Amino acid sequence: MPAITLPETGQKSRADEDMLLDRPWVVIGLNNNRTTFDQVILALQKSTGCSLEKAHAIAIEIDTKGEAVCYRGELERCEVVQMALDEIKLQNRLERE
């Protein structure tokens, strides 16, 4: 008896959805001319708890490469970081890693 092939539904299986939920979120800061290094560093330290050195390295990467991952983690925590960056008018985006 020949195998029956089902048409592609375009829907993800439950296993695919579970795998997506396990993937962390990232907040990506984007370079602009309105926000100072000090503002970025302070916002990152306050919202993520990272060291001065780490925040400075992220600020430099944003400036030189145009963007940098500012934080990686659970959605709720990423939203806190995103709000801190929004407060200093640093463009950013939130996405799945």
N, C-alpha and C. Protein backbone atom coordinates (compact mmCIF):
# COMPACT_ATOMS: atom_id res chain seq x y z
N MET A 1 0.84 -1.17 0.00
CA MET A 1 0.00 0.00 0.00
C MET A 1 0.89 1.24 0.00
N PRO A 2 0.65 2.24 -0.87
CA PRO A 2 1.49 3.44 -0.93
C PRO A 2 1.28 4.33 0.29
N ALA A 3 2.33 5.06 0.64
CA ALA A 3 2.24 5.99 1.77
C ALA A 3 1.38 7.18 1.38
N ILE A 4 0.65 7.68 2.35
CA ILE A 4 -0.20 8.84 2.11
C ILE A 4 0.55 10.08 2.58
N THR A 5 0.64 11.06 1.73
CA THR A 5 1.31 12.31 2.08
C THR A 5 0.26 13.37 2.34
N LEU A 6 0.36 13.97 3.52
CA LEU A 6 -0.59 15.03 3.88
C LEU A 6 -0.08 16.37 3.37
N PRO A 7 -0.99 17.24 2.96
CA PRO A 7 -0.56 18.55 2.47
C PRO A 7 0.06 19.37 3.60
N GLU A 8 0.98 20.23 3.24
CA GLU A 8 1.62 21.13 4.20
C GLU A 8 0.58 22.14 4.69
N THR A 9 0.46 22.24 6.01
CA THR A 9 -0.55 23.14 6.57
C THR A 9 0.02 24.50 6.91
N GLY A 10 1.35 24.59 7.03
CA GLY A 10 1.95 25.86 7.41
C GLY A 10 1.89 26.11 8.90
N GLN A 11 1.30 25.21 9.65
CA GLN A 11 1.20 25.36 11.09
C GLN A 11 2.37 24.64 11.76
N LYS A 12 2.83 25.22 12.85
CA LYS A 12 3.92 24.60 13.59
C LYS A 12 3.37 23.57 14.56
N SER A 13 4.13 22.53 14.76
CA SER A 13 3.72 21.51 15.71
C SER A 13 3.92 22.02 17.13
N ARG A 14 3.35 21.34 18.08
CA ARG A 14 3.51 21.70 19.50
C ARG A 14 4.98 21.64 19.90
N ALA A 15 5.73 20.67 19.39
CA ALA A 15 7.16 20.56 19.70
C ALA A 15 7.92 21.77 19.17
N ASP A 16 7.56 22.25 17.98
CA ASP A 16 8.20 23.45 17.43
C ASP A 16 7.91 24.66 18.29
N GLU A 17 6.68 24.79 18.75
CA GLU A 17 6.31 25.92 19.60
C GLU A 17 7.05 25.86 20.93
N ASP A 18 7.17 24.68 21.51
CA ASP A 18 7.90 24.53 22.78
C ASP A 18 9.36 24.91 22.60
N MET A 19 9.96 24.53 21.47
CA MET A 19 11.34 24.86 21.21
C MET A 19 11.51 26.38 21.08
N LEU A 20 10.56 27.06 20.46
CA LEU A 20 10.63 28.51 20.34
C LEU A 20 10.54 29.18 21.69
N LEU A 21 9.72 28.65 22.58
CA LEU A 21 9.58 29.24 23.90
C LEU A 21 10.85 29.12 24.72
N ASP A 22 11.66 28.11 24.45
CA ASP A 22 12.91 27.92 25.16
C ASP A 22 13.99 28.88 24.69
N ARG A 23 13.86 29.41 23.50
CA ARG A 23 14.87 30.32 22.97
C ARG A 23 14.80 31.65 23.70
N PRO A 24 15.94 32.22 24.06
CA PRO A 24 15.91 33.50 24.76
C PRO A 24 15.58 34.66 23.82
N TRP A 25 15.19 35.75 24.42
CA TRP A 25 14.96 36.99 23.71
C TRP A 25 16.21 37.83 23.79
N VAL A 26 16.38 38.75 22.88
CA VAL A 26 17.49 39.69 22.94
C VAL A 26 16.97 41.11 22.69
N VAL A 27 17.60 42.05 23.39
CA VAL A 27 17.36 43.47 23.15
C VAL A 27 18.58 43.98 22.40
N ILE A 28 18.34 44.56 21.25
CA ILE A 28 19.42 45.06 20.41
C ILE A 28 19.33 46.58 20.37
N GLY A 29 20.39 47.22 20.81
CA GLY A 29 20.47 48.68 20.77
C GLY A 29 21.01 49.13 19.44
N LEU A 30 20.47 50.22 18.91
CA LEU A 30 20.85 50.74 17.59
C LEU A 30 21.50 52.12 17.74
N ASN A 31 22.50 52.37 16.94
CA ASN A 31 23.23 53.62 17.01
C ASN A 31 22.36 54.80 16.61
N ASN A 32 22.57 55.92 17.28
CA ASN A 32 21.92 57.17 16.90
C ASN A 32 22.81 58.34 17.32
N ASN A 33 22.41 59.52 16.96
CA ASN A 33 23.20 60.71 17.30
C ASN A 33 22.59 61.50 18.46
N ARG A 34 21.56 60.97 19.10
CA ARG A 34 20.88 61.69 20.17
C ARG A 34 21.30 61.23 21.56
N THR A 35 21.82 60.02 21.67
CA THR A 35 22.09 59.42 22.97
C THR A 35 23.60 59.38 23.22
N THR A 36 24.01 59.83 24.40
CA THR A 36 25.44 59.83 24.71
C THR A 36 25.89 58.47 25.23
N PHE A 37 27.21 58.26 25.20
CA PHE A 37 27.78 57.04 25.76
C PHE A 37 27.37 56.89 27.22
N ASP A 38 27.48 57.99 27.96
CA ASP A 38 27.16 57.95 29.39
C ASP A 38 25.71 57.54 29.64
N GLN A 39 24.80 58.05 28.81
CA GLN A 39 23.38 57.67 28.95
C GLN A 39 23.19 56.17 28.72
N VAL A 40 23.82 55.65 27.67
CA VAL A 40 23.70 54.23 27.34
C VAL A 40 24.29 53.39 28.47
N ILE A 41 25.48 53.75 28.91
CA ILE A 41 26.16 52.99 29.96
C ILE A 41 25.32 52.96 31.23
N LEU A 42 24.83 54.11 31.65
CA LEU A 42 24.03 54.18 32.88
C LEU A 42 22.73 53.38 32.75
N ALA A 43 22.05 53.50 31.60
CA ALA A 43 20.80 52.76 31.39
C ALA A 43 21.05 51.25 31.41
N LEU A 44 22.13 50.81 30.80
CA LEU A 44 22.45 49.38 30.79
C LEU A 44 22.80 48.88 32.19
N GLN A 45 23.58 49.65 32.92
CA GLN A 45 23.94 49.24 34.28
C GLN A 45 22.70 49.14 35.17
N LYS A 46 21.83 50.13 35.08
CA LYS A 46 20.63 50.14 35.92
C LYS A 46 19.66 49.02 35.55
N SER A 47 19.46 48.80 34.26
CA SER A 47 18.43 47.85 33.84
C SER A 47 18.91 46.40 33.80
N THR A 48 20.21 46.19 33.60
CA THR A 48 20.69 44.81 33.50
C THR A 48 21.55 44.39 34.69
N GLY A 49 22.08 45.37 35.41
CA GLY A 49 22.97 45.04 36.51
C GLY A 49 24.37 44.69 36.07
N CYS A 50 24.70 45.00 34.81
CA CYS A 50 26.04 44.67 34.31
C CYS A 50 27.07 45.65 34.85
N SER A 51 28.32 45.28 34.71
CA SER A 51 29.42 46.11 35.18
C SER A 51 29.61 47.32 34.27
N LEU A 52 30.34 48.29 34.79
CA LEU A 52 30.70 49.47 34.00
C LEU A 52 31.46 49.05 32.74
N GLU A 53 32.37 48.11 32.89
CA GLU A 53 33.17 47.65 31.76
C GLU A 53 32.31 47.00 30.68
N LYS A 54 31.37 46.17 31.09
CA LYS A 54 30.48 45.50 30.14
C LYS A 54 29.60 46.52 29.43
N ALA A 55 29.01 47.44 30.18
CA ALA A 55 28.15 48.47 29.60
C ALA A 55 28.94 49.34 28.62
N HIS A 56 30.17 49.67 28.98
CA HIS A 56 31.02 50.48 28.11
C HIS A 56 31.32 49.73 26.81
N ALA A 57 31.62 48.44 26.92
CA ALA A 57 31.91 47.62 25.73
C ALA A 57 30.69 47.56 24.80
N ILE A 58 29.49 47.44 25.37
CA ILE A 58 28.26 47.42 24.56
C ILE A 58 28.07 48.76 23.86
N ALA A 59 28.29 49.87 24.60
CA ALA A 59 28.14 51.20 24.01
C ALA A 59 29.11 51.40 22.85
N ILE A 60 30.33 50.93 23.01
CA ILE A 60 31.32 51.04 21.93
C ILE A 60 30.88 50.22 20.72
N GLU A 61 30.37 49.01 20.97
CA GLU A 61 29.92 48.17 19.85
C GLU A 61 28.74 48.81 19.12
N ILE A 62 27.83 49.41 19.86
CA ILE A 62 26.71 50.11 19.22
C ILE A 62 27.25 51.23 18.33
N ASP A 63 28.21 51.97 18.85
CA ASP A 63 28.77 53.10 18.11
C ASP A 63 29.55 52.67 16.87
N THR A 64 30.35 51.62 17.00
CA THR A 64 31.22 51.22 15.89
C THR A 64 30.56 50.30 14.87
N LYS A 65 29.68 49.42 15.35
CA LYS A 65 29.05 48.45 14.45
C LYS A 65 27.62 48.83 14.06
N GLY A 66 27.07 49.83 14.75
CA GLY A 66 25.72 50.26 14.42
C GLY A 66 24.65 49.61 15.28
N GLU A 67 25.00 48.50 15.93
CA GLU A 67 24.05 47.83 16.81
C GLU A 67 24.80 46.82 17.68
N ALA A 68 24.16 46.46 18.78
CA ALA A 68 24.76 45.46 19.67
C ALA A 68 23.68 44.84 20.54
N VAL A 69 23.89 43.59 20.91
CA VAL A 69 23.00 42.94 21.86
C VAL A 69 23.27 43.57 23.23
N CYS A 70 22.23 44.16 23.80
CA CYS A 70 22.35 44.81 25.10
C CYS A 70 21.98 43.87 26.23
N TYR A 71 21.09 42.94 25.94
CA TYR A 71 20.66 42.00 26.97
C TYR A 71 20.08 40.76 26.31
N ARG A 72 20.24 39.63 26.96
CA ARG A 72 19.73 38.35 26.47
C ARG A 72 19.07 37.65 27.65
N GLY A 73 17.83 37.22 27.47
CA GLY A 73 17.16 36.52 28.57
C GLY A 73 15.67 36.34 28.33
N GLU A 74 14.95 36.20 29.43
CA GLU A 74 13.50 36.00 29.36
C GLU A 74 12.81 37.26 28.88
N LEU A 75 11.66 37.08 28.26
CA LEU A 75 10.92 38.19 27.66
C LEU A 75 10.65 39.31 28.64
N GLU A 76 10.17 38.99 29.83
CA GLU A 76 9.80 40.02 30.80
C GLU A 76 11.01 40.89 31.18
N ARG A 77 12.14 40.27 31.37
CA ARG A 77 13.36 41.00 31.75
C ARG A 77 13.84 41.85 30.57
N CYS A 78 13.73 41.31 29.36
CA CYS A 78 14.11 42.06 28.16
C CYS A 78 13.23 43.30 28.00
N GLU A 79 11.97 43.18 28.35
CA GLU A 79 11.06 44.33 28.24
C GLU A 79 11.47 45.44 29.21
N VAL A 80 11.98 45.09 30.38
CA VAL A 80 12.48 46.08 31.33
C VAL A 80 13.67 46.83 30.74
N VAL A 81 14.59 46.08 30.15
CA VAL A 81 15.77 46.68 29.51
C VAL A 81 15.33 47.57 28.35
N GLN A 82 14.40 47.09 27.57
CA GLN A 82 13.91 47.86 26.43
C GLN A 82 13.29 49.19 26.89
N MET A 83 12.54 49.17 27.98
CA MET A 83 11.94 50.40 28.49
C MET A 83 13.02 51.39 28.95
N ALA A 84 14.09 50.88 29.56
CA ALA A 84 15.18 51.76 29.99
C ALA A 84 15.84 52.43 28.79
N LEU A 85 16.02 51.68 27.71
CA LEU A 85 16.61 52.25 26.50
C LEU A 85 15.65 53.23 25.83
N ASP A 86 14.36 52.92 25.89
CA ASP A 86 13.35 53.84 25.34
C ASP A 86 13.39 55.18 26.08
N GLU A 87 13.59 55.13 27.41
CA GLU A 87 13.61 56.35 28.22
C GLU A 87 14.72 57.30 27.80
N ILE A 88 15.85 56.76 27.35
CA ILE A 88 16.96 57.62 26.91
C ILE A 88 16.93 57.84 25.40
N LYS A 89 15.87 57.41 24.78
CA LYS A 89 15.65 57.61 23.33
C LYS A 89 16.65 56.84 22.46
N LEU A 90 17.14 55.71 22.98
CA LEU A 90 18.01 54.86 22.16
C LEU A 90 17.13 53.88 21.41
N GLN A 91 17.16 53.97 20.09
CA GLN A 91 16.37 53.02 19.30
C GLN A 91 16.84 51.61 19.62
N ASN A 92 15.90 50.69 19.61
CA ASN A 92 16.22 49.31 19.92
C ASN A 92 15.15 48.42 19.34
N ARG A 93 15.46 47.14 19.35
CA ARG A 93 14.45 46.17 18.93
C ARG A 93 14.56 44.94 19.82
N LEU A 94 13.45 44.27 19.95
CA LEU A 94 13.34 43.06 20.76
C LEU A 94 13.03 41.91 19.81
N GLU A 95 13.84 40.87 19.89
CA GLU A 95 13.60 39.75 18.98
C GLU A 95 14.05 38.44 19.62
N ARG A 96 13.61 37.36 19.00
CA ARG A 96 14.04 36.03 19.42
C ARG A 96 15.45 35.79 18.93
N GLU A 97 16.22 35.13 19.74
CA GLU A 97 17.59 34.81 19.35
C GLU A 97 17.60 33.65 18.40
